[in-house]
C-alpha atoms as a PDB file:
ATOM      1  CA  MET A   1     -68.182  25.203-107.304  1.00  0.00           C
ATOM      2  CA  SER A   2     -68.668  28.299-109.705  1.00  0.00           C
ATOM      3  CA  ALA A   3     -65.530  30.046-110.959  1.00  0.00           C
ATOM      4  CA  LYS A   4     -64.875  33.452-109.250  1.00  0.00           C
ATOM      5  CA  PHE A   5     -65.073  36.271-112.000  1.00  0.00           C
ATOM      6  CA  SER A   6     -63.795  39.845-111.033  1.00  0.00           C
ATOM      7  CA  ARG A   7     -64.179  43.088-112.819  1.00  0.00           C
ATOM      8  CA  VAL A   8     -61.722  46.187-112.428  1.00  0.00           C
ATOM      9  CA  ALA A   9     -62.348  49.621-113.716  1.00  0.00           C
ATOM     10  CA  ILE A  10     -59.227  51.890-114.399  1.00  0.00           C
ATOM     11  CA  CYS A  11     -59.647  55.545-114.654  1.00  0.00           C
ATOM     12  CA  GLY A  12     -57.484  56.873-117.593  1.00  0.00           C
ATOM     13  CA  GLY A  13     -56.216  55.536-120.687  1.00  0.00           C
ATOM     14  CA  GLY A  14     -52.586  57.017-120.383  1.00  0.00           C
ATOM     15  CA  ILE A  15     -49.442  55.194-119.738  1.00  0.00           C
ATOM     16  CA  GLY A  16     -50.121  54.462-116.035  1.00  0.00           C
ATOM     17  CA  GLY A  17     -53.653  53.326-116.957  1.00  0.00           C
ATOM     18  CA  LEU A  18     -52.589  50.844-119.842  1.00  0.00           C
ATOM     19  CA  VAL A  19     -49.607  49.603-117.761  1.00  0.00           C
ATOM     20  CA  ALA A  20     -52.104  48.700-114.990  1.00  0.00           C
ATOM     21  CA  ALA A  21     -54.611  47.104-117.375  1.00  0.00           C
ATOM     22  CA  ALA A  22     -52.064  45.081-119.132  1.00  0.00           C
ATOM     23  CA  PHE A  23     -50.809  43.649-115.728  1.00  0.00           C
ATOM     24  CA  VAL A  24     -54.201  42.956-114.247  1.00  0.00           C
ATOM     25  CA  SER A  25     -55.756  41.577-117.410  1.00  0.00           C
ATOM     26  CA  GLU A  26     -52.995  38.896-117.531  1.00  0.00           C
ATOM     27  CA  ASN A  27     -55.311  36.958-115.216  1.00  0.00           C
ATOM     28  CA  PRO A  28     -58.115  35.743-117.593  1.00  0.00           C
ATOM     29  CA  ASP A  29     -60.509  35.881-114.871  1.00  0.00           C
ATOM     30  CA  ILE A  30     -60.471  39.386-114.377  1.00  0.00           C
ATOM     31  CA  GLN A  31     -62.235  41.672-116.883  1.00  0.00           C
ATOM     32  CA  VAL A  32     -60.700  45.135-117.231  1.00  0.00           C
ATOM     33  CA  ASP A  33     -62.456  48.077-118.289  1.00  0.00           C
ATOM     34  CA  ILE A  34     -60.429  51.363-118.957  1.00  0.00           C
ATOM     35  CA  TYR A  35     -62.455  54.579-118.919  1.00  0.00           C
ATOM     36  CA  GLU A  36     -60.836  57.642-120.778  1.00  0.00           C
ATOM     37  CA  ALA A  37     -62.308  61.144-120.679  1.00  0.00           C
ATOM     38  CA  LYS A  38     -61.129  61.987-124.187  1.00  0.00           C
ATOM     39  CA  PRO A  39     -62.589  60.649-127.269  1.00  0.00           C
ATOM     40  CA  ASP A  40     -59.562  58.241-127.908  1.00  0.00           C
ATOM     41  CA  ILE A  41     -56.297  57.089-126.301  1.00  0.00           C
ATOM     42  CA  SER A  42     -54.276  60.217-126.917  1.00  0.00           C
ATOM     43  CA  SER A  43     -51.142  60.008-129.163  1.00  0.00           C
ATOM     44  CA  LEU A  44     -50.127  63.437-128.417  1.00  0.00           C
ATOM     45  CA  GLY A  45     -46.845  64.136-126.702  1.00  0.00           C
ATOM     46  CA  THR A  46     -43.133  63.853-127.057  1.00  0.00           C
ATOM     47  CA  ALA A  47     -40.506  61.525-125.768  1.00  0.00           C
ATOM     48  CA  VAL A  48     -40.767  59.944-122.338  1.00  0.00           C
ATOM     49  CA  ALA A  49     -37.726  59.259-120.446  1.00  0.00           C
ATOM     50  CA  ILE A  50     -37.453  55.564-119.607  1.00  0.00           C
ATOM     51  CA  TRP A  51     -35.072  54.766-116.675  1.00  0.00           C
ATOM     52  CA  LYS A  52     -33.986  51.486-115.401  1.00  0.00           C
ATOM     53  CA  CYS A  53     -37.024  50.726-113.258  1.00  0.00           C
ATOM     54  CA  SER A  54     -39.510  51.769-116.016  1.00  0.00           C
ATOM     55  CA  TRP A  55     -37.546  49.644-118.424  1.00  0.00           C
ATOM     56  CA  GLN A  56     -37.939  46.628-116.078  1.00  0.00           C
ATOM     57  CA  VAL A  57     -41.808  47.089-116.161  1.00  0.00           C
ATOM     58  CA  LEU A  58     -41.644  47.155-119.910  1.00  0.00           C
ATOM     59  CA  GLU A  59     -39.546  44.016-119.905  1.00  0.00           C
ATOM     60  CA  LYS A  60     -42.071  42.263-117.577  1.00  0.00           C
ATOM     61  CA  LEU A  61     -44.816  43.168-120.308  1.00  0.00           C
ATOM     62  CA  ASN A  62     -42.565  41.601-122.879  1.00  0.00           C
ATOM     63  CA  LEU A  63     -42.188  44.881-124.774  1.00  0.00           C
ATOM     64  CA  GLY A  64     -38.303  44.933-124.823  1.00  0.00           C
ATOM     65  CA  GLU A  65     -38.071  43.115-127.977  1.00  0.00           C
ATOM     66  CA  GLU A  66     -40.563  45.359-129.758  1.00  0.00           C
ATOM     67  CA  VAL A  67     -38.538  48.353-128.559  1.00  0.00           C
ATOM     68  CA  ARG A  68     -35.440  46.730-129.994  1.00  0.00           C
ATOM     69  CA  LYS A  69     -37.218  45.975-133.330  1.00  0.00           C
ATOM     70  CA  LYS A  70     -38.098  49.774-133.653  1.00  0.00           C
ATOM     71  CA  GLY A  71     -34.379  50.595-133.247  1.00  0.00           C
ATOM     72  CA  ILE A  72     -34.996  52.711-130.278  1.00  0.00           C
ATOM     73  CA  PRO A  73     -31.741  52.827-127.975  1.00  0.00           C
ATOM     74  CA  LEU A  74     -32.087  50.697-124.705  1.00  0.00           C
ATOM     75  CA  PRO A  75     -31.240  52.145-121.410  1.00  0.00           C
ATOM     76  CA  LYS A  76     -27.432  51.786-120.601  1.00  0.00           C
ATOM     77  CA  GLU A  77     -25.740  50.681-117.545  1.00  0.00           C
ATOM     78  CA  GLY A  78     -23.034  53.157-116.410  1.00  0.00           C
ATOM     79  CA  GLU A  79     -22.937  56.650-114.949  1.00  0.00           C
ATOM     80  CA  ALA A  80     -25.267  59.273-116.628  1.00  0.00           C
ATOM     81  CA  ARG A  81     -25.794  62.961-115.786  1.00  0.00           C
ATOM     82  CA  GLY A  82     -28.988  63.447-113.844  1.00  0.00           C
ATOM     83  CA  PRO A  83     -30.770  66.620-112.656  1.00  0.00           C
ATOM     84  CA  ILE A  84     -28.679  69.747-112.356  1.00  0.00           C
ATOM     85  CA  PHE A  85     -29.846  72.108-109.625  1.00  0.00           C
ATOM     86  CA  ARG A  86     -29.329  75.814-110.503  1.00  0.00           C
ATOM     87  CA  LYS A  87     -29.645  78.830-108.436  1.00  0.00           C
ATOM     88  CA  SER A  88     -30.754  81.501-111.012  1.00  0.00           C
ATOM     89  CA  ASP A  89     -32.904  83.997-108.885  1.00  0.00           C
ATOM     90  CA  GLN A  90     -29.950  86.477-109.140  1.00  0.00           C
ATOM     91  CA  SER A  91     -28.322  88.397-111.981  1.00  0.00           C
ATOM     92  CA  GLU A  92     -25.348  85.826-112.021  1.00  0.00           C
ATOM     93  CA  GLY A  93     -26.867  82.150-111.539  1.00  0.00           C
ATOM     94  CA  PHE A  94     -24.752  79.298-110.824  1.00  0.00           C
ATOM     95  CA  ASP A  95     -25.065  75.485-110.601  1.00  0.00           C
ATOM     96  CA  PHE A  96     -24.907  74.161-106.986  1.00  0.00           C
ATOM     97  CA  HIS A  97     -25.454  70.376-107.543  1.00  0.00           C
ATOM     98  CA  SER A  98     -25.052  68.096-110.542  1.00  0.00           C
ATOM     99  CA  HIS A  99     -26.351  64.558-109.700  1.00  0.00           C
ATOM    100  CA  ILE A 100     -24.709  61.641-111.576  1.00  0.00           C
ATOM    101  CA  MET A 101     -27.030  58.558-111.880  1.00  0.00           C
ATOM    102  CA  PRO A 102     -25.719  55.027-111.918  1.00  0.00           C
ATOM    103  CA  TYR A 103     -27.339  54.465-115.278  1.00  0.00           C
ATOM    104  CA  GLY A 104     -28.854  56.520-118.139  1.00  0.00           C
ATOM    105  CA  PRO A 105     -32.140  56.762-119.761  1.00  0.00           C
ATOM    106  CA  THR A 106     -33.482  56.259-123.227  1.00  0.00           C
ATOM    107  CA  GLY A 107     -36.186  58.307-124.769  1.00  0.00           C
ATOM    108  CA  LEU A 108     -39.330  56.459-125.907  1.00  0.00           C
ATOM    109  CA  PRO A 109     -41.782  58.487-128.141  1.00  0.00           C
ATOM    110  CA  ARG A 110     -45.080  58.705-126.126  1.00  0.00           C
ATOM    111  CA  PRO A 111     -47.310  57.681-129.238  1.00  0.00           C
ATOM    112  CA  VAL A 112     -45.092  54.767-129.749  1.00  0.00           C
ATOM    113  CA  LEU A 113     -45.103  53.709-126.046  1.00  0.00           C
ATOM    114  CA  LEU A 114     -49.043  54.021-125.873  1.00  0.00           C
ATOM    115  CA  SER A 115     -49.501  51.987-129.029  1.00  0.00           C
ATOM    116  CA  MET A 116     -47.235  49.150-127.805  1.00  0.00           C
ATOM    117  CA  LEU A 117     -49.248  49.152-124.427  1.00  0.00           C
ATOM    118  CA  GLU A 118     -52.401  48.962-125.975  1.00  0.00           C
ATOM    119  CA  SER A 119     -51.377  46.185-128.289  1.00  0.00           C
ATOM    120  CA  LYS A 120     -50.620  44.149-125.151  1.00  0.00           C
ATOM    121  CA  LEU A 121     -54.146  44.317-123.922  1.00  0.00           C
ATOM    122  CA  PRO A 122     -56.074  41.061-124.256  1.00  0.00           C
ATOM    123  CA  GLN A 123     -59.584  40.447-125.085  1.00  0.00           C
ATOM    124  CA  ASN A 124     -60.705  40.621-121.446  1.00  0.00           C
ATOM    125  CA  CYS A 125     -59.778  44.327-121.587  1.00  0.00           C
ATOM    126  CA  HIS A 126     -61.966  46.865-122.983  1.00  0.00           C
ATOM    127  CA  ILE A 127     -61.446  50.737-123.387  1.00  0.00           C
ATOM    128  CA  HIS A 128     -64.307  53.165-123.163  1.00  0.00           C
ATOM    129  CA  VAL A 129     -63.801  56.571-124.429  1.00  0.00           C
ATOM    130  CA  SER A 130     -65.577  59.908-123.834  1.00  0.00           C
ATOM    131  CA  LYS A 131     -66.369  58.895-120.441  1.00  0.00           C
END
């Protein structure tokens, strides 16, 4: 009986594409090809807010320790201010709702996040740029 071998194509080498590739390529029987339209994996951008659910995904990819080593503050349990809804289409605007979240986010620089995700891609994962 011959071994099954699968191939997966992922369109886009941004955060979502690299996370998907990291998870799918954990199976050595699946070859992953990432197709990015730009000439490289873009490192442009500012900080990305990492909330609890996103942090849990990074932990599953074993990136938590790398984040800690870089000295980036981790998401914290406990109340934190979420979105503030404001009516400002009149001369005197006012806040009409301030949402309190059960946990707070941390800011992770996008270039750092992309670099960490790219470093988690195994040999069965290939990035094709300018596609």
